[in-house]
Amino acid sequence: MAMRTTRQVKGASTDVQMDRKIRLRNLNEHITCYLCHGYLIDATTITECLHTFCKSCIVSHVEDGRNECPKCEAVIHHSYPLQYLAYDRTMQDIVEKLVPKLKQSEWSRRIQFCHKNNLPIPFDIHMSNPTVMKDTTLMDDGKQQSYHRYDEQVNIFLRSTSCSLKHLKRPFLQCSIHATIKILKKFLAKNLGLGIHQHSELDILCNDEILGKDHTLMFILVTRWRARKPPLQLDYRPSIVML
């Protein structure tokens, strides 16, 4: 596969159009996973050294008890390495633009694997039955234009586990799978009357484990909720400061 970049060179009397083709293989080292050597799927970056891997690859690496970066061997975190992994949406968008239909192909393989091994299809796979509502508006020429990304949605149930924090009147939410815990903290802080700037005073937990502020809902579904039925249940409480 070759890509074409265009550059205009302005001369004294004419503009010269110059085309340059770039082969995808020349970019492979920047968009492939160091662990599996395939194209990045759900690109996840280590916040300490900024090296990026497939989410499933780096999570498996960490869950095997190795808390160092596979590429540079920098320590991710001695106690909670999973909290220092962040979904890299920008990198994943670049990979999917350079490699068309990569996500659809990956999801198809996952579905086939589940059927072959009589396993339940993970909650984060809805390629064959998308439920995302598309918000569109009409342009001046009558054509539809979208101002929103068509992200997959996830249902959430937020529950207070502290007597000092009230329960939400509407505890059920529907969010993009790319929303982060930090966004949910801000939502909670505003709706609980704490003020949006006090969001750092809240902890959000899944299965009694504190979630990092940069964790995306997709990351939590795969690593914490796994194949459980929706909605994703998250608990909130006042932040505990360790002295």
C-alpha atoms as a PDB file:
ATOM      1  CA  MET A   1       0.000   0.000   0.000  1.00  0.00           C
ATOM      2  CA  ALA A   2       1.317   3.424  -0.933  1.00  0.00           C
ATOM      3  CA  MET A   3       0.156   6.811   0.279  1.00  0.00           C
ATOM      4  CA  ARG A   4       0.541  10.057  -1.567  1.00  0.00           C
ATOM      5  CA  THR A   5       1.510  13.358  -0.023  1.00  0.00           C
ATOM      6  CA  THR A   6       1.204  16.608  -1.940  1.00  0.00           C
ATOM      7  CA  ARG A   7       3.353  19.709  -1.642  1.00  0.00           C
ATOM      8  CA  GLN A   8       3.151  22.965  -3.535  1.00  0.00           C
ATOM      9  CA  VAL A   9       6.364  24.731  -4.517  1.00  0.00           C
ATOM     10  CA  LYS A  10       5.828  28.357  -5.466  1.00  0.00           C
ATOM     11  CA  GLY A  11       8.016  29.699  -8.183  1.00  0.00           C
ATOM     12  CA  ALA A  12       8.427  33.118  -9.645  1.00  0.00           C
ATOM     13  CA  SER A  13       5.722  32.633 -12.267  1.00  0.00           C
ATOM     14  CA  THR A  14       4.106  29.213 -11.678  1.00  0.00           C
ATOM     15  CA  ASP A  15       3.140  26.855  -8.859  1.00  0.00           C
ATOM     16  CA  VAL A  16       4.663  23.388  -9.234  1.00  0.00           C
ATOM     17  CA  GLN A  17       2.672  20.468  -7.777  1.00  0.00           C
ATOM     18  CA  MET A  18       4.971  17.780  -6.360  1.00  0.00           C
ATOM     19  CA  ASP A  19       3.702  14.335  -5.372  1.00  0.00           C
ATOM     20  CA  ARG A  20       5.567  11.910  -3.180  1.00  0.00           C
ATOM     21  CA  LYS A  21       4.451   8.358  -2.506  1.00  0.00           C
ATOM     22  CA  ILE A  22       5.116   6.815   0.900  1.00  0.00           C
ATOM     23  CA  ARG A  23       4.898   3.058   1.304  1.00  0.00           C
ATOM     24  CA  LEU A  24       3.047   1.813   4.365  1.00  0.00           C
ATOM     25  CA  ARG A  25       5.901  -0.545   5.223  1.00  0.00           C
ATOM     26  CA  ASN A  26       8.101   2.509   5.815  1.00  0.00           C
ATOM     27  CA  LEU A  27       5.730   3.554   8.613  1.00  0.00           C
ATOM     28  CA  ASN A  28       5.197   0.116  10.131  1.00  0.00           C
ATOM     29  CA  GLU A  29       7.687   0.562  12.963  1.00  0.00           C
ATOM     30  CA  HIS A  30       5.631   3.526  14.207  1.00  0.00           C
ATOM     31  CA  ILE A  31       2.177   1.901  14.066  1.00  0.00           C
ATOM     32  CA  THR A  32       2.887  -1.706  15.085  1.00  0.00           C
ATOM     33  CA  CYS A  33       3.025  -3.266  18.533  1.00  0.00           C
ATOM     34  CA  TYR A  34       6.472  -4.148  19.907  1.00  0.00           C
ATOM     35  CA  LEU A  35       5.029  -7.245  21.613  1.00  0.00           C
ATOM     36  CA  CYS A  36       2.905  -8.925  18.914  1.00  0.00           C
ATOM     37  CA  HIS A  37       4.384  -7.141  15.854  1.00  0.00           C
ATOM     38  CA  GLY A  38       0.891  -6.552  14.455  1.00  0.00           C
ATOM     39  CA  TYR A  39      -0.840  -3.244  13.820  1.00  0.00           C
ATOM     40  CA  LEU A  40      -1.896  -1.500  17.017  1.00  0.00           C
ATOM     41  CA  ILE A  41      -5.344  -2.533  18.268  1.00  0.00           C
ATOM     42  CA  ASP A  42      -6.811  -0.286  20.994  1.00  0.00           C
ATOM     43  CA  ALA A  43      -3.485   1.550  21.232  1.00  0.00           C
ATOM     44  CA  THR A  44      -2.491   1.941  24.890  1.00  0.00           C
ATOM     45  CA  THR A  45       0.388   4.126  26.027  1.00  0.00           C
ATOM     46  CA  ILE A  46       2.507   3.870  29.166  1.00  0.00           C
ATOM     47  CA  THR A  47       2.295   7.319  30.730  1.00  0.00           C
ATOM     48  CA  GLU A  48       5.815   7.121  32.187  1.00  0.00           C
ATOM     49  CA  CYS A  49       7.791   6.515  28.976  1.00  0.00           C
ATOM     50  CA  LEU A  50       5.106   7.088  26.282  1.00  0.00           C
ATOM     51  CA  HIS A  51       5.708   3.784  24.492  1.00  0.00           C
ATOM     52  CA  THR A  52       2.546   2.383  22.881  1.00  0.00           C
ATOM     53  CA  PHE A  53       1.307  -1.201  22.550  1.00  0.00           C
ATOM     54  CA  CYS A  54      -1.900  -3.101  21.824  1.00  0.00           C
ATOM     55  CA  LYS A  55      -4.095  -2.945  24.898  1.00  0.00           C
ATOM     56  CA  SER A  56      -4.416  -6.728  25.246  1.00  0.00           C
ATOM     57  CA  CYS A  57      -0.649  -7.142  24.830  1.00  0.00           C
ATOM     58  CA  ILE A  58       0.445  -4.636  27.467  1.00  0.00           C
ATOM     59  CA  VAL A  59      -2.292  -5.663  29.927  1.00  0.00           C
ATOM     60  CA  SER A  60      -1.243  -9.331  29.634  1.00  0.00           C
ATOM     61  CA  HIS A  61       2.368  -8.266  30.095  1.00  0.00           C
ATOM     62  CA  VAL A  62       1.531  -6.383  33.311  1.00  0.00           C
ATOM     63  CA  GLU A  63      -0.838  -9.049  34.669  1.00  0.00           C
ATOM     64  CA  ASP A  64       1.977 -11.605  34.318  1.00  0.00           C
ATOM     65  CA  GLY A  65       3.764  -9.691  37.069  1.00  0.00           C
ATOM     66  CA  ARG A  66       6.091  -7.618  34.893  1.00  0.00           C
ATOM     67  CA  ASN A  67       5.800  -3.932  35.764  1.00  0.00           C
ATOM     68  CA  GLU A  68       8.420  -2.578  33.385  1.00  0.00           C
ATOM     69  CA  CYS A  69       8.031  -1.294  29.824  1.00  0.00           C
ATOM     70  CA  PRO A  70       8.728  -4.147  27.371  1.00  0.00           C
ATOM     71  CA  LYS A  71      10.592  -1.786  25.058  1.00  0.00           C
ATOM     72  CA  CYS A  72      12.761   0.431  27.271  1.00  0.00           C
ATOM     73  CA  GLU A  73      12.451  -1.512  30.575  1.00  0.00           C
ATOM     74  CA  ALA A  74      11.469   1.636  32.493  1.00  0.00           C
ATOM     75  CA  VAL A  75       9.422   0.836  35.603  1.00  0.00           C
ATOM     76  CA  ILE A  76       5.745   1.610  34.986  1.00  0.00           C
ATOM     77  CA  HIS A  77       4.800   1.596  38.673  1.00  0.00           C
ATOM     78  CA  HIS A  78       5.868  -0.638  41.529  1.00  0.00           C
ATOM     79  CA  SER A  79       2.383  -1.193  42.983  1.00  0.00           C
ATOM     80  CA  TYR A  80      -0.311  -0.189  40.475  1.00  0.00           C
ATOM     81  CA  PRO A  81       1.123  -0.397  36.943  1.00  0.00           C
ATOM     82  CA  LEU A  82      -2.314  -0.763  35.307  1.00  0.00           C
ATOM     83  CA  GLN A  83      -3.245   2.726  36.492  1.00  0.00           C
ATOM     84  CA  TYR A  84      -0.400   4.153  34.411  1.00  0.00           C
ATOM     85  CA  LEU A  85      -1.689   2.805  31.107  1.00  0.00           C
ATOM     86  CA  ALA A  86      -3.800   5.191  29.028  1.00  0.00           C
ATOM     87  CA  TYR A  87      -5.812   4.644  25.856  1.00  0.00           C
ATOM     88  CA  ASP A  88      -4.121   6.573  23.022  1.00  0.00           C
ATOM     89  CA  ARG A  89      -7.012   7.682  20.868  1.00  0.00           C
ATOM     90  CA  THR A  90      -4.872   9.833  18.583  1.00  0.00           C
ATOM     91  CA  MET A  91      -2.534   6.966  17.725  1.00  0.00           C
ATOM     92  CA  GLN A  92      -5.430   4.552  17.156  1.00  0.00           C
ATOM     93  CA  ASP A  93      -7.122   7.054  14.833  1.00  0.00           C
ATOM     94  CA  ILE A  94      -3.889   7.352  12.830  1.00  0.00           C
ATOM     95  CA  VAL A  95      -3.529   3.563  12.552  1.00  0.00           C
ATOM     96  CA  GLU A  96      -7.133   3.134  11.397  1.00  0.00           C
ATOM     97  CA  LYS A  97      -6.711   5.844   8.756  1.00  0.00           C
ATOM     98  CA  LEU A  98      -3.525   4.245   7.440  1.00  0.00           C
ATOM     99  CA  VAL A  99      -4.927   0.701   7.567  1.00  0.00           C
ATOM    100  CA  PRO A 100      -8.588   0.812   6.414  1.00  0.00           C
ATOM    101  CA  LYS A 101     -11.032  -1.716   7.906  1.00  0.00           C
ATOM    102  CA  LEU A 102      -8.477  -2.800  10.521  1.00  0.00           C
ATOM    103  CA  LYS A 103     -10.981  -2.548  13.390  1.00  0.00           C
ATOM    104  CA  GLN A 104     -13.733  -4.393  11.494  1.00  0.00           C
ATOM    105  CA  SER A 105     -11.293  -7.172  10.612  1.00  0.00           C
ATOM    106  CA  GLU A 106     -10.118  -7.487  14.217  1.00  0.00           C
ATOM    107  CA  TRP A 107     -13.673  -7.583  15.585  1.00  0.00           C
ATOM    108  CA  SER A 108     -14.635 -10.247  13.027  1.00  0.00           C
ATOM    109  CA  ARG A 109     -11.729 -12.437  14.173  1.00  0.00           C
ATOM    110  CA  ARG A 110     -12.761 -12.001  17.818  1.00  0.00           C
ATOM    111  CA  ILE A 111     -16.349 -12.987  17.058  1.00  0.00           C
ATOM    112  CA  GLN A 112     -15.210 -16.049  15.088  1.00  0.00           C
ATOM    113  CA  PHE A 113     -12.926 -17.064  17.963  1.00  0.00           C
ATOM    114  CA  CYS A 114     -15.789 -16.762  20.468  1.00  0.00           C
ATOM    115  CA  HIS A 115     -18.132 -18.836  18.288  1.00  0.00           C
ATOM    116  CA  LYS A 116     -15.480 -21.479  17.680  1.00  0.00           C
ATOM    117  CA  ASN A 117     -14.742 -21.867  21.391  1.00  0.00           C
ATOM    118  CA  ASN A 118     -18.350 -21.476  22.598  1.00  0.00           C
ATOM    119  CA  LEU A 119     -17.477 -18.288  24.492  1.00  0.00           C
ATOM    120  CA  PRO A 120     -19.772 -15.305  25.085  1.00  0.00           C
ATOM    121  CA  ILE A 121     -19.097 -12.392  22.763  1.00  0.00           C
ATOM    122  CA  PRO A 122     -17.435  -9.567  24.750  1.00  0.00           C
ATOM    123  CA  PHE A 123     -19.634  -6.601  25.528  1.00  0.00           C
ATOM    124  CA  ASP A 124     -17.389  -4.167  23.637  1.00  0.00           C
ATOM    125  CA  ILE A 125     -18.055  -5.831  20.264  1.00  0.00           C
ATOM    126  CA  HIS A 126     -21.140  -4.534  18.491  1.00  0.00           C
ATOM    127  CA  MET A 127     -19.817  -4.237  14.968  1.00  0.00           C
ATOM    128  CA  SER A 128     -22.633  -6.270  13.462  1.00  0.00           C
ATOM    129  CA  ASN A 129     -25.367  -4.454  15.396  1.00  0.00           C
ATOM    130  CA  PRO A 130     -24.340  -0.839  16.074  1.00  0.00           C
ATOM    131  CA  THR A 131     -26.585   1.043  18.487  1.00  0.00           C
ATOM    132  CA  VAL A 132     -24.970   4.438  18.316  1.00  0.00           C
ATOM    133  CA  MET A 133     -27.376   7.258  17.482  1.00  0.00           C
ATOM    134  CA  LYS A 134     -25.968   9.623  14.901  1.00  0.00           C
ATOM    135  CA  ASP A 135     -26.564  13.345  15.424  1.00  0.00           C
ATOM    136  CA  THR A 136     -26.685  15.150  12.090  1.00  0.00           C
ATOM    137  CA  THR A 137     -27.665  18.568  10.836  1.00  0.00           C
ATOM    138  CA  LEU A 138     -28.459  19.868   7.378  1.00  0.00           C
ATOM    139  CA  MET A 139     -25.952  22.021   5.555  1.00  0.00           C
ATOM    140  CA  ASP A 140     -26.931  24.868   3.230  1.00  0.00           C
ATOM    141  CA  ASP A 141     -26.902  22.534   0.227  1.00  0.00           C
ATOM    142  CA  GLY A 142     -29.283  20.090   1.926  1.00  0.00           C
ATOM    143  CA  LYS A 143     -26.643  17.447   2.682  1.00  0.00           C
ATOM    144  CA  GLN A 144     -26.264  15.956   6.118  1.00  0.00           C
ATOM    145  CA  GLN A 145     -23.180  16.723   8.145  1.00  0.00           C
ATOM    146  CA  SER A 146     -22.239  15.178  11.450  1.00  0.00           C
ATOM    147  CA  TYR A 147     -20.625  17.140  14.259  1.00  0.00           C
ATOM    148  CA  HIS A 148     -20.112  14.134  16.512  1.00  0.00           C
ATOM    149  CA  ARG A 149     -17.981  10.988  16.443  1.00  0.00           C
ATOM    150  CA  TYR A 150     -19.931   7.740  16.097  1.00  0.00           C
ATOM    151  CA  ASP A 151     -18.412   6.101  19.139  1.00  0.00           C
ATOM    152  CA  GLU A 152     -19.786   2.909  20.612  1.00  0.00           C
ATOM    153  CA  GLN A 153     -21.782   3.583  23.779  1.00  0.00           C
ATOM    154  CA  VAL A 154     -21.629   1.822  27.142  1.00  0.00           C
ATOM    155  CA  ASN A 155     -24.303   1.774  29.862  1.00  0.00           C
ATOM    156  CA  ILE A 156     -23.101   2.700  33.353  1.00  0.00           C
ATOM    157  CA  PHE A 157     -24.637   2.480  36.817  1.00  0.00           C
ATOM    158  CA  LEU A 158     -23.063   4.866  39.352  1.00  0.00           C
ATOM    159  CA  ARG A 159     -23.534   4.039  43.026  1.00  0.00           C
ATOM    160  CA  SER A 160     -22.410   5.811  46.187  1.00  0.00           C
ATOM    161  CA  THR A 161     -20.695   3.634  48.793  1.00  0.00           C
ATOM    162  CA  SER A 162     -20.316   6.422  51.344  1.00  0.00           C
ATOM    163  CA  CYS A 163     -22.921   7.914  53.672  1.00  0.00           C
ATOM    164  CA  SER A 164     -21.280  11.319  53.145  1.00  0.00           C
ATOM    165  CA  LEU A 165     -22.101  11.358  49.432  1.00  0.00           C
ATOM    166  CA  LYS A 166     -25.686  11.250  48.227  1.00  0.00           C
ATOM    167  CA  HIS A 167     -26.979   8.950  45.504  1.00  0.00           C
ATOM    168  CA  LEU A 168     -27.619  10.395  42.067  1.00  0.00           C
ATOM    169  CA  LYS A 169     -31.242  10.950  41.092  1.00  0.00           C
ATOM    170  CA  ARG A 170     -30.406   9.434  37.717  1.00  0.00           C
ATOM    171  CA  PRO A 171     -27.647   6.882  38.338  1.00  0.00           C
ATOM    172  CA  PHE A 172     -27.835   5.290  34.873  1.00  0.00           C
ATOM    173  CA  LEU A 173     -25.707   6.887  32.143  1.00  0.00           C
ATOM    174  CA  GLN A 174     -24.767   6.146  28.564  1.00  0.00           C
ATOM    175  CA  CYS A 175     -21.291   7.284  27.550  1.00  0.00           C
ATOM    176  CA  SER A 176     -18.748   6.824  24.807  1.00  0.00           C
ATOM    177  CA  ILE A 177     -16.415   3.899  25.443  1.00  0.00           C
ATOM    178  CA  HIS A 178     -13.571   6.406  25.054  1.00  0.00           C
ATOM    179  CA  ALA A 179     -14.740   8.537  27.996  1.00  0.00           C
ATOM    180  CA  THR A 180     -12.255   8.552  30.869  1.00  0.00           C
ATOM    181  CA  ILE A 181     -12.662   8.225  34.626  1.00  0.00           C
ATOM    182  CA  LYS A 182     -11.625  11.872  34.951  1.00  0.00           C
ATOM    183  CA  ILE A 183     -14.670  12.901  32.915  1.00  0.00           C
ATOM    184  CA  LEU A 184     -16.941  10.809  35.153  1.00  0.00           C
ATOM    185  CA  LYS A 185     -15.368  12.384  38.244  1.00  0.00           C
ATOM    186  CA  LYS A 186     -16.158  15.858  36.915  1.00  0.00           C
ATOM    187  CA  PHE A 187     -19.719  14.780  36.156  1.00  0.00           C
ATOM    188  CA  LEU A 188     -20.132  13.445  39.684  1.00  0.00           C
ATOM    189  CA  ALA A 189     -18.559  16.497  41.321  1.00  0.00           C
ATOM    190  CA  LYS A 190     -20.940  18.805  39.499  1.00  0.00           C
ATOM    191  CA  ASN A 191     -24.065  16.732  40.173  1.00  0.00           C
ATOM    192  CA  LEU A 192     -23.185  16.172  43.832  1.00  0.00           C
ATOM    193  CA  GLY A 193     -22.792  19.900  44.420  1.00  0.00           C
ATOM    194  CA  LEU A 194     -19.062  19.731  45.107  1.00  0.00           C
ATOM    195  CA  GLY A 195     -18.029  21.937  42.216  1.00  0.00           C
ATOM    196  CA  ILE A 196     -16.396  20.631  39.067  1.00  0.00           C
ATOM    197  CA  HIS A 197     -12.921  21.652  40.260  1.00  0.00           C
ATOM    198  CA  GLN A 198     -13.243  19.335  43.276  1.00  0.00           C
ATOM    199  CA  HIS A 199     -13.375  16.190  41.122  1.00  0.00           C
ATOM    200  CA  SER A 200      -9.963  15.059  42.401  1.00  0.00           C
ATOM    201  CA  GLU A 201     -11.548  14.585  45.852  1.00  0.00           C
ATOM    202  CA  LEU A 202     -13.527  11.601  44.531  1.00  0.00           C
ATOM    203  CA  ASP A 203     -12.520   7.984  43.903  1.00  0.00           C
ATOM    204  CA  ILE A 204     -14.299   5.765  41.388  1.00  0.00           C
ATOM    205  CA  LEU A 205     -14.020   2.011  41.842  1.00  0.00           C
ATOM    206  CA  CYS A 206     -14.849  -1.140  39.911  1.00  0.00           C
ATOM    207  CA  ASN A 207     -14.898  -4.418  41.802  1.00  0.00           C
ATOM    208  CA  ASP A 208     -13.515  -2.537  44.857  1.00  0.00           C
ATOM    209  CA  GLU A 209     -10.438  -1.429  42.890  1.00  0.00           C
ATOM    210  CA  ILE A 210      -9.658   2.282  42.473  1.00  0.00           C
ATOM    211  CA  LEU A 211      -9.561   3.308  38.820  1.00  0.00           C
ATOM    212  CA  GLY A 212      -6.946   5.637  37.363  1.00  0.00           C
ATOM    213  CA  LYS A 213      -8.129   8.986  36.029  1.00  0.00           C
ATOM    214  CA  ASP A 214      -6.883   8.196  32.504  1.00  0.00           C
ATOM    215  CA  HIS A 215      -8.599   4.797  32.270  1.00  0.00           C
ATOM    216  CA  THR A 216     -11.177   4.684  29.500  1.00  0.00           C
ATOM    217  CA  LEU A 217     -14.465   2.846  29.832  1.00  0.00           C
ATOM    218  CA  MET A 218     -13.333   0.458  27.087  1.00  0.00           C
ATOM    219  CA  PHE A 219     -10.209  -0.360  29.103  1.00  0.00           C
ATOM    220  CA  ILE A 220     -12.319  -1.000  32.210  1.00  0.00           C
ATOM    221  CA  LEU A 221     -14.776  -3.206  30.306  1.00  0.00           C
ATOM    222  CA  VAL A 222     -11.993  -5.427  29.034  1.00  0.00           C
ATOM    223  CA  THR A 223      -9.747  -5.563  32.100  1.00  0.00           C
ATOM    224  CA  ARG A 224     -12.232  -5.302  35.018  1.00  0.00           C
ATOM    225  CA  TRP A 225     -15.763  -6.102  33.811  1.00  0.00           C
ATOM    226  CA  ARG A 226     -14.805  -8.624  31.118  1.00  0.00           C
ATOM    227  CA  ALA A 227     -17.791 -10.696  29.910  1.00  0.00           C
ATOM    228  CA  ARG A 228     -20.275  -9.601  32.582  1.00  0.00           C
ATOM    229  CA  LYS A 229     -23.660  -8.331  31.520  1.00  0.00           C
ATOM    230  CA  PRO A 230     -24.326  -4.576  31.306  1.00  0.00           C
ATOM    231  CA  PRO A 231     -24.638  -2.099  32.833  1.00  0.00           C
ATOM    232  CA  LEU A 232     -21.080  -1.490  33.982  1.00  0.00           C
ATOM    233  CA  GLN A 233     -21.327  -0.864  37.733  1.00  0.00           C
ATOM    234  CA  LEU A 234     -19.025   1.788  39.177  1.00  0.00           C
ATOM    235  CA  ASP A 235     -18.909   2.910  42.801  1.00  0.00           C
ATOM    236  CA  TYR A 236     -17.858   6.349  44.032  1.00  0.00           C
ATOM    237  CA  ARG A 237     -16.672   7.626  47.395  1.00  0.00           C
ATOM    238  CA  PRO A 238     -14.582  10.451  48.893  1.00  0.00           C
ATOM    239  CA  SER A 239     -10.921  10.143  47.958  1.00  0.00           C
ATOM    240  CA  ILE A 240      -8.736   8.496  50.587  1.00  0.00           C
ATOM    241  CA  VAL A 241      -5.412  10.261  51.131  1.00  0.00           C
ATOM    242  CA  MET A 242      -2.611   7.916  52.198  1.00  0.00           C
ATOM    243  CA  LEU A 243      -0.228   9.536  54.676  1.00  0.00           C
END
